[in-house]
Amino acid sequence: MSKINGKPLDKELEELLKSIGEFIRRERKILGYSSAETFGNKIDIDSATMRKYESGSLNISLKILLKIFRGLNKTKEEIFSTIITGTPPEPAAGGFVLSPAQEEQVKGQVKKALGKSISQALSPADTNRLYLMLTYCHNARLRKSALRDKFGLSKYTVNFNKLLKLTLDAGWISMTNPASPHDKDQRYFTTVKGVAVIKL
């Protein structure tokens, strides 16, 4: 049984800690951290403590929770939206940054799918946006306008269209009606190949 200062936790608090732990484990895997140890190293928390946080067997302070959320590229507001209210997690485009290792992994996949020249032409910001497109269209079927809105854009930019085309060319995102690209009800979704990229 989980404890605080040697005393058993009440059932509701124990369930909350488990929910937080499950969320942390799921999100760090999405970001490419295969173990609690590798993620703990990134945010300077030892592996044994990180595993306890993920299992929900150790009480977690708000200070540590915020530290972990920053490591997951989450905002403090998402503590409430993803854990307390149960809203599905989604990275915010404004402050999202892949780690250098993750950026290289994504660019490596671009190189495999589309060639070295296209991969080398991607800036760090491009790579982040490409990754976010895959994330936003995962388990969703979004209109192009809805995907644009997630990046805070009021109109389609050359860069937005370029990156969306790249994901389509790589087979990472697909249209619901590829035979009619300009279908007014066209929607976009992440393919199995695309999901593999965001789970590297």
C-alpha atoms as a PDB file:
ATOM      1  CA  MET A   1       0.000   0.000   0.000  1.00  0.00           C
ATOM      2  CA  SER A   2       1.239   3.523  -0.773  1.00  0.00           C
ATOM      3  CA  LYS A   3       2.264   5.641   2.203  1.00  0.00           C
ATOM      4  CA  ILE A   4       3.094   9.195   3.227  1.00  0.00           C
ATOM      5  CA  ASN A   5       5.384   9.514   6.260  1.00  0.00           C
ATOM      6  CA  GLY A   6       4.740   5.861   7.035  1.00  0.00           C
ATOM      7  CA  LYS A   7       0.956   6.277   7.104  1.00  0.00           C
ATOM      8  CA  PRO A   8      -1.372   4.518   4.614  1.00  0.00           C
ATOM      9  CA  LEU A   9      -2.910   6.768   1.968  1.00  0.00           C
ATOM     10  CA  ASP A  10      -6.654   6.980   1.667  1.00  0.00           C
ATOM     11  CA  LYS A  11      -8.121   5.248  -1.369  1.00  0.00           C
ATOM     12  CA  GLU A  12      -8.888   8.367  -3.418  1.00  0.00           C
ATOM     13  CA  LEU A  13      -5.387   9.787  -3.068  1.00  0.00           C
ATOM     14  CA  GLU A  14      -3.904   6.412  -3.967  1.00  0.00           C
ATOM     15  CA  GLU A  15      -6.030   6.280  -7.131  1.00  0.00           C
ATOM     16  CA  LEU A  16      -4.991   9.838  -8.052  1.00  0.00           C
ATOM     17  CA  LEU A  17      -1.299   8.983  -7.692  1.00  0.00           C
ATOM     18  CA  LYS A  18      -1.784   5.933  -9.899  1.00  0.00           C
ATOM     19  CA  SER A  19      -3.541   8.045 -12.549  1.00  0.00           C
ATOM     20  CA  ILE A  20      -0.697  10.560 -12.486  1.00  0.00           C
ATOM     21  CA  GLY A  21       1.859   7.760 -12.746  1.00  0.00           C
ATOM     22  CA  GLU A  22       0.086   6.130 -15.682  1.00  0.00           C
ATOM     23  CA  PHE A  23      -0.060   9.474 -17.465  1.00  0.00           C
ATOM     24  CA  ILE A  24       3.656  10.124 -16.925  1.00  0.00           C
ATOM     25  CA  ARG A  25       4.583   6.644 -18.190  1.00  0.00           C
ATOM     26  CA  ARG A  26       2.387   6.965 -21.286  1.00  0.00           C
ATOM     27  CA  GLU A  27       3.627  10.431 -22.217  1.00  0.00           C
ATOM     28  CA  ARG A  28       7.332   9.718 -21.780  1.00  0.00           C
ATOM     29  CA  LYS A  29       6.947   6.650 -24.033  1.00  0.00           C
ATOM     30  CA  ILE A  30       5.298   8.837 -26.683  1.00  0.00           C
ATOM     31  CA  LEU A  31       8.331  11.130 -26.495  1.00  0.00           C
ATOM     32  CA  GLY A  32      10.642   8.184 -27.100  1.00  0.00           C
ATOM     33  CA  TYR A  33      11.868   7.439 -23.567  1.00  0.00           C
ATOM     34  CA  SER A  34      11.710   3.650 -23.316  1.00  0.00           C
ATOM     35  CA  SER A  35      12.281   3.489 -19.564  1.00  0.00           C
ATOM     36  CA  ALA A  36      11.756   5.495 -16.388  1.00  0.00           C
ATOM     37  CA  GLU A  37      15.538   5.599 -16.046  1.00  0.00           C
ATOM     38  CA  THR A  38      16.192   7.339 -19.371  1.00  0.00           C
ATOM     39  CA  PHE A  39      13.460   9.914 -18.715  1.00  0.00           C
ATOM     40  CA  GLY A  40      14.625  10.401 -15.118  1.00  0.00           C
ATOM     41  CA  ASN A  41      18.134  11.130 -16.368  1.00  0.00           C
ATOM     42  CA  LYS A  42      16.751  13.924 -18.547  1.00  0.00           C
ATOM     43  CA  ILE A  43      15.036  15.697 -15.659  1.00  0.00           C
ATOM     44  CA  ASP A  44      17.533  14.746 -12.929  1.00  0.00           C
ATOM     45  CA  ILE A  45      15.381  12.304 -10.949  1.00  0.00           C
ATOM     46  CA  ASP A  46      16.958   8.965 -10.038  1.00  0.00           C
ATOM     47  CA  SER A  47      15.514   5.868 -11.703  1.00  0.00           C
ATOM     48  CA  ALA A  48      14.192   4.227  -8.515  1.00  0.00           C
ATOM     49  CA  THR A  49      12.246   7.358  -7.552  1.00  0.00           C
ATOM     50  CA  MET A  50      10.976   7.806 -11.111  1.00  0.00           C
ATOM     51  CA  ARG A  51       9.662   4.235 -11.176  1.00  0.00           C
ATOM     52  CA  LYS A  52       7.821   4.841  -7.897  1.00  0.00           C
ATOM     53  CA  TYR A  53       6.213   7.987  -9.296  1.00  0.00           C
ATOM     54  CA  GLU A  54       5.085   6.038 -12.367  1.00  0.00           C
ATOM     55  CA  SER A  55       3.655   3.209 -10.272  1.00  0.00           C
ATOM     56  CA  GLY A  56       1.840   5.659  -8.007  1.00  0.00           C
ATOM     57  CA  SER A  57       3.537   4.229  -4.921  1.00  0.00           C
ATOM     58  CA  LEU A  58       5.264   7.474  -3.893  1.00  0.00           C
ATOM     59  CA  ASN A  59       3.640  10.784  -3.034  1.00  0.00           C
ATOM     60  CA  ILE A  60       4.538  13.515  -5.517  1.00  0.00           C
ATOM     61  CA  SER A  61       4.803  17.201  -4.681  1.00  0.00           C
ATOM     62  CA  LEU A  62       3.484  19.910  -6.977  1.00  0.00           C
ATOM     63  CA  LYS A  63       7.057  21.127  -7.471  1.00  0.00           C
ATOM     64  CA  ILE A  64       8.185  17.703  -8.714  1.00  0.00           C
ATOM     65  CA  LEU A  65       5.019  17.273 -10.785  1.00  0.00           C
ATOM     66  CA  LEU A  66       5.704  20.576 -12.563  1.00  0.00           C
ATOM     67  CA  LYS A  67       9.321  19.502 -13.146  1.00  0.00           C
ATOM     68  CA  ILE A  68       8.132  16.249 -14.722  1.00  0.00           C
ATOM     69  CA  PHE A  69       5.550  18.070 -16.857  1.00  0.00           C
ATOM     70  CA  ARG A  70       8.236  20.403 -18.183  1.00  0.00           C
ATOM     71  CA  GLY A  71      10.254  17.318 -19.105  1.00  0.00           C
ATOM     72  CA  LEU A  72       7.214  16.021 -20.987  1.00  0.00           C
ATOM     73  CA  ASN A  73       6.849  19.346 -22.848  1.00  0.00           C
ATOM     74  CA  LYS A  74       3.611  20.052 -20.995  1.00  0.00           C
ATOM     75  CA  THR A  75       2.390  23.319 -19.495  1.00  0.00           C
ATOM     76  CA  LYS A  76       1.240  23.739 -15.910  1.00  0.00           C
ATOM     77  CA  GLU A  77      -2.323  24.180 -17.202  1.00  0.00           C
ATOM     78  CA  GLU A  78      -2.205  20.658 -18.607  1.00  0.00           C
ATOM     79  CA  ILE A  79      -1.816  19.236 -15.106  1.00  0.00           C
ATOM     80  CA  PHE A  80      -5.490  20.065 -14.675  1.00  0.00           C
ATOM     81  CA  SER A  81      -6.702  19.330 -18.194  1.00  0.00           C
ATOM     82  CA  THR A  82      -5.031  15.929 -18.508  1.00  0.00           C
ATOM     83  CA  ILE A  83      -5.092  14.511 -14.993  1.00  0.00           C
ATOM     84  CA  ILE A  84      -7.768  16.242 -12.963  1.00  0.00           C
ATOM     85  CA  THR A  85     -10.436  16.803 -15.634  1.00  0.00           C
ATOM     86  CA  GLY A  86      -9.432  13.853 -17.798  1.00  0.00           C
ATOM     87  CA  THR A  87      -9.167  15.769 -21.077  1.00  0.00           C
ATOM     88  CA  PRO A  88      -6.978  13.868 -23.573  1.00  0.00           C
ATOM     89  CA  PRO A  89      -3.412  15.247 -23.586  1.00  0.00           C
ATOM     90  CA  GLU A  90      -2.206  17.267 -26.530  1.00  0.00           C
ATOM     91  CA  PRO A  91       1.071  19.198 -26.727  1.00  0.00           C
ATOM     92  CA  ALA A  92       0.790  22.963 -27.104  1.00  0.00           C
ATOM     93  CA  ALA A  93       2.416  24.150 -30.335  1.00  0.00           C
ATOM     94  CA  GLY A  94       3.816  27.349 -28.823  1.00  0.00           C
ATOM     95  CA  GLY A  95       6.204  25.872 -26.289  1.00  0.00           C
ATOM     96  CA  PHE A  96       6.784  22.421 -27.727  1.00  0.00           C
ATOM     97  CA  VAL A  97      10.416  21.449 -28.346  1.00  0.00           C
ATOM     98  CA  LEU A  98      11.781  18.018 -29.198  1.00  0.00           C
ATOM     99  CA  SER A  99      15.003  16.966 -27.523  1.00  0.00           C
ATOM    100  CA  PRO A 100      18.078  16.958 -29.821  1.00  0.00           C
ATOM    101  CA  ALA A 101      17.984  13.150 -29.891  1.00  0.00           C
ATOM    102  CA  GLN A 102      14.283  13.109 -30.822  1.00  0.00           C
ATOM    103  CA  GLU A 103      14.841  15.722 -33.508  1.00  0.00           C
ATOM    104  CA  GLU A 104      17.568  13.586 -35.075  1.00  0.00           C
ATOM    105  CA  GLN A 105      15.310  10.522 -34.935  1.00  0.00           C
ATOM    106  CA  VAL A 106      12.524  12.331 -36.778  1.00  0.00           C
ATOM    107  CA  LYS A 107      14.925  13.744 -39.369  1.00  0.00           C
ATOM    108  CA  GLY A 108      16.368  10.266 -39.798  1.00  0.00           C
ATOM    109  CA  GLN A 109      12.910   8.960 -40.634  1.00  0.00           C
ATOM    110  CA  VAL A 110      12.407  11.807 -43.122  1.00  0.00           C
ATOM    111  CA  LYS A 111      15.705  10.851 -44.751  1.00  0.00           C
ATOM    112  CA  LYS A 112      14.601   7.214 -45.049  1.00  0.00           C
ATOM    113  CA  ALA A 113      11.223   8.143 -46.504  1.00  0.00           C
ATOM    114  CA  LEU A 114      12.032  11.122 -48.713  1.00  0.00           C
ATOM    115  CA  GLY A 115      15.790  11.469 -49.055  1.00  0.00           C
ATOM    116  CA  LYS A 116      18.769  13.222 -47.523  1.00  0.00           C
ATOM    117  CA  SER A 117      18.251  16.618 -49.168  1.00  0.00           C
ATOM    118  CA  ILE A 118      14.736  17.021 -47.774  1.00  0.00           C
ATOM    119  CA  SER A 119      15.856  15.917 -44.320  1.00  0.00           C
ATOM    120  CA  GLN A 120      18.778  18.356 -44.281  1.00  0.00           C
ATOM    121  CA  ALA A 121      16.527  21.233 -45.343  1.00  0.00           C
ATOM    122  CA  LEU A 122      14.369  20.881 -42.213  1.00  0.00           C
ATOM    123  CA  SER A 123      15.032  23.408 -39.461  1.00  0.00           C
ATOM    124  CA  PRO A 124      14.513  22.467 -35.785  1.00  0.00           C
ATOM    125  CA  ALA A 125      11.222  24.410 -35.883  1.00  0.00           C
ATOM    126  CA  ASP A 126      10.134  22.479 -38.981  1.00  0.00           C
ATOM    127  CA  THR A 127      10.882  19.178 -37.264  1.00  0.00           C
ATOM    128  CA  ASN A 128       8.862  20.201 -34.206  1.00  0.00           C
ATOM    129  CA  ARG A 129       5.887  21.214 -36.358  1.00  0.00           C
ATOM    130  CA  LEU A 130       6.084  18.025 -38.394  1.00  0.00           C
ATOM    131  CA  TYR A 131       6.030  15.961 -35.198  1.00  0.00           C
ATOM    132  CA  LEU A 132       3.091  17.981 -33.878  1.00  0.00           C
ATOM    133  CA  MET A 133       1.120  17.427 -37.090  1.00  0.00           C
ATOM    134  CA  LEU A 134       1.496  13.683 -36.595  1.00  0.00           C
ATOM    135  CA  THR A 135       0.484  14.017 -32.945  1.00  0.00           C
ATOM    136  CA  TYR A 136      -2.563  16.197 -33.634  1.00  0.00           C
ATOM    137  CA  CYS A 137      -3.862  13.870 -36.365  1.00  0.00           C
ATOM    138  CA  HIS A 138      -3.279  10.746 -34.263  1.00  0.00           C
ATOM    139  CA  ASN A 139      -6.599   9.144 -33.257  1.00  0.00           C
ATOM    140  CA  ALA A 140      -8.388  12.034 -34.974  1.00  0.00           C
ATOM    141  CA  ARG A 141      -9.667  13.012 -38.396  1.00  0.00           C
ATOM    142  CA  LEU A 142      -9.041  16.730 -38.727  1.00  0.00           C
ATOM    143  CA  ARG A 143     -10.041  19.172 -41.404  1.00  0.00           C
ATOM    144  CA  LYS A 144      -7.075  21.086 -42.779  1.00  0.00           C
ATOM    145  CA  SER A 145      -8.446  24.260 -41.196  1.00  0.00           C
ATOM    146  CA  ALA A 146      -8.650  22.576 -37.779  1.00  0.00           C
ATOM    147  CA  LEU A 147      -5.039  21.427 -38.064  1.00  0.00           C
ATOM    148  CA  ARG A 148      -3.997  24.949 -39.075  1.00  0.00           C
ATOM    149  CA  ASP A 149      -5.816  26.423 -36.078  1.00  0.00           C
ATOM    150  CA  LYS A 150      -3.853  24.217 -33.692  1.00  0.00           C
ATOM    151  CA  PHE A 151      -0.728  26.103 -34.729  1.00  0.00           C
ATOM    152  CA  GLY A 152      -2.366  29.463 -34.074  1.00  0.00           C
ATOM    153  CA  LEU A 153      -2.387  30.405 -37.757  1.00  0.00           C
ATOM    154  CA  SER A 154      -5.056  32.632 -39.281  1.00  0.00           C
ATOM    155  CA  LYS A 155      -4.245  31.499 -42.831  1.00  0.00           C
ATOM    156  CA  TYR A 156      -2.329  28.746 -44.593  1.00  0.00           C
ATOM    157  CA  THR A 157       1.357  29.595 -44.830  1.00  0.00           C
ATOM    158  CA  VAL A 158       3.887  28.273 -47.334  1.00  0.00           C
ATOM    159  CA  ASN A 159       5.680  26.481 -44.501  1.00  0.00           C
ATOM    160  CA  PHE A 160       2.494  24.867 -43.165  1.00  0.00           C
ATOM    161  CA  ASN A 161       1.543  23.572 -46.607  1.00  0.00           C
ATOM    162  CA  LYS A 162       5.104  22.354 -47.229  1.00  0.00           C
ATOM    163  CA  LEU A 163       5.217  20.329 -44.011  1.00  0.00           C
ATOM    164  CA  LEU A 164       1.743  18.871 -44.500  1.00  0.00           C
ATOM    165  CA  LYS A 165       2.716  17.807 -48.029  1.00  0.00           C
ATOM    166  CA  LEU A 166       5.870  16.229 -46.613  1.00  0.00           C
ATOM    167  CA  THR A 167       3.833  14.083 -44.211  1.00  0.00           C
ATOM    168  CA  LEU A 168       1.531  13.057 -47.056  1.00  0.00           C
ATOM    169  CA  ASP A 169       4.448  12.206 -49.360  1.00  0.00           C
ATOM    170  CA  ALA A 170       6.064  10.136 -46.604  1.00  0.00           C
ATOM    171  CA  GLY A 171       2.819   8.245 -46.011  1.00  0.00           C
ATOM    172  CA  TRP A 172       2.668   9.407 -42.399  1.00  0.00           C
ATOM    173  CA  ILE A 173      -0.594  11.319 -42.764  1.00  0.00           C
ATOM    174  CA  SER A 174      -3.368  10.359 -45.164  1.00  0.00           C
ATOM    175  CA  MET A 175      -6.533  11.983 -46.485  1.00  0.00           C
ATOM    176  CA  THR A 176      -9.923  10.427 -45.940  1.00  0.00           C
ATOM    177  CA  ASN A 177     -10.606  10.970 -49.652  1.00  0.00           C
ATOM    178  CA  PRO A 178      -7.219  10.923 -51.441  1.00  0.00           C
ATOM    179  CA  ALA A 179      -8.876  10.626 -54.867  1.00  0.00           C
ATOM    180  CA  SER A 180     -10.356  14.122 -54.393  1.00  0.00           C
ATOM    181  CA  PRO A 181      -7.762  16.280 -52.585  1.00  0.00           C
ATOM    182  CA  HIS A 182     -10.024  19.348 -52.661  1.00  0.00           C
ATOM    183  CA  ASP A 183     -13.086  17.586 -51.249  1.00  0.00           C
ATOM    184  CA  LYS A 184     -14.785  20.126 -48.964  1.00  0.00           C
ATOM    185  CA  ASP A 185     -15.175  17.431 -46.303  1.00  0.00           C
ATOM    186  CA  GLN A 186     -11.558  16.275 -46.591  1.00  0.00           C
ATOM    187  CA  ARG A 187      -9.949  15.219 -43.340  1.00  0.00           C
ATOM    188  CA  TYR A 188      -6.469  14.153 -42.335  1.00  0.00           C
ATOM    189  CA  PHE A 189      -5.331  11.351 -40.041  1.00  0.00           C
ATOM    190  CA  THR A 190      -2.027   9.837 -38.950  1.00  0.00           C
ATOM    191  CA  THR A 191      -1.283   6.460 -40.519  1.00  0.00           C
ATOM    192  CA  VAL A 192       0.335   3.430 -38.901  1.00  0.00           C
ATOM    193  CA  LYS A 193       3.670   4.580 -40.359  1.00  0.00           C
ATOM    194  CA  GLY A 194       3.150   8.028 -38.861  1.00  0.00           C
ATOM    195  CA  VAL A 195       2.308   6.627 -35.437  1.00  0.00           C
ATOM    196  CA  ALA A 196       5.573   4.669 -35.561  1.00  0.00           C
ATOM    197  CA  VAL A 197       7.459   7.953 -36.026  1.00  0.00           C
ATOM    198  CA  ILE A 198       5.950   9.659 -32.975  1.00  0.00           C
ATOM    199  CA  LYS A 199       6.573   6.578 -30.843  1.00  0.00           C
ATOM    200  CA  LEU A 200      10.268   6.234 -31.703  1.00  0.00           C
END
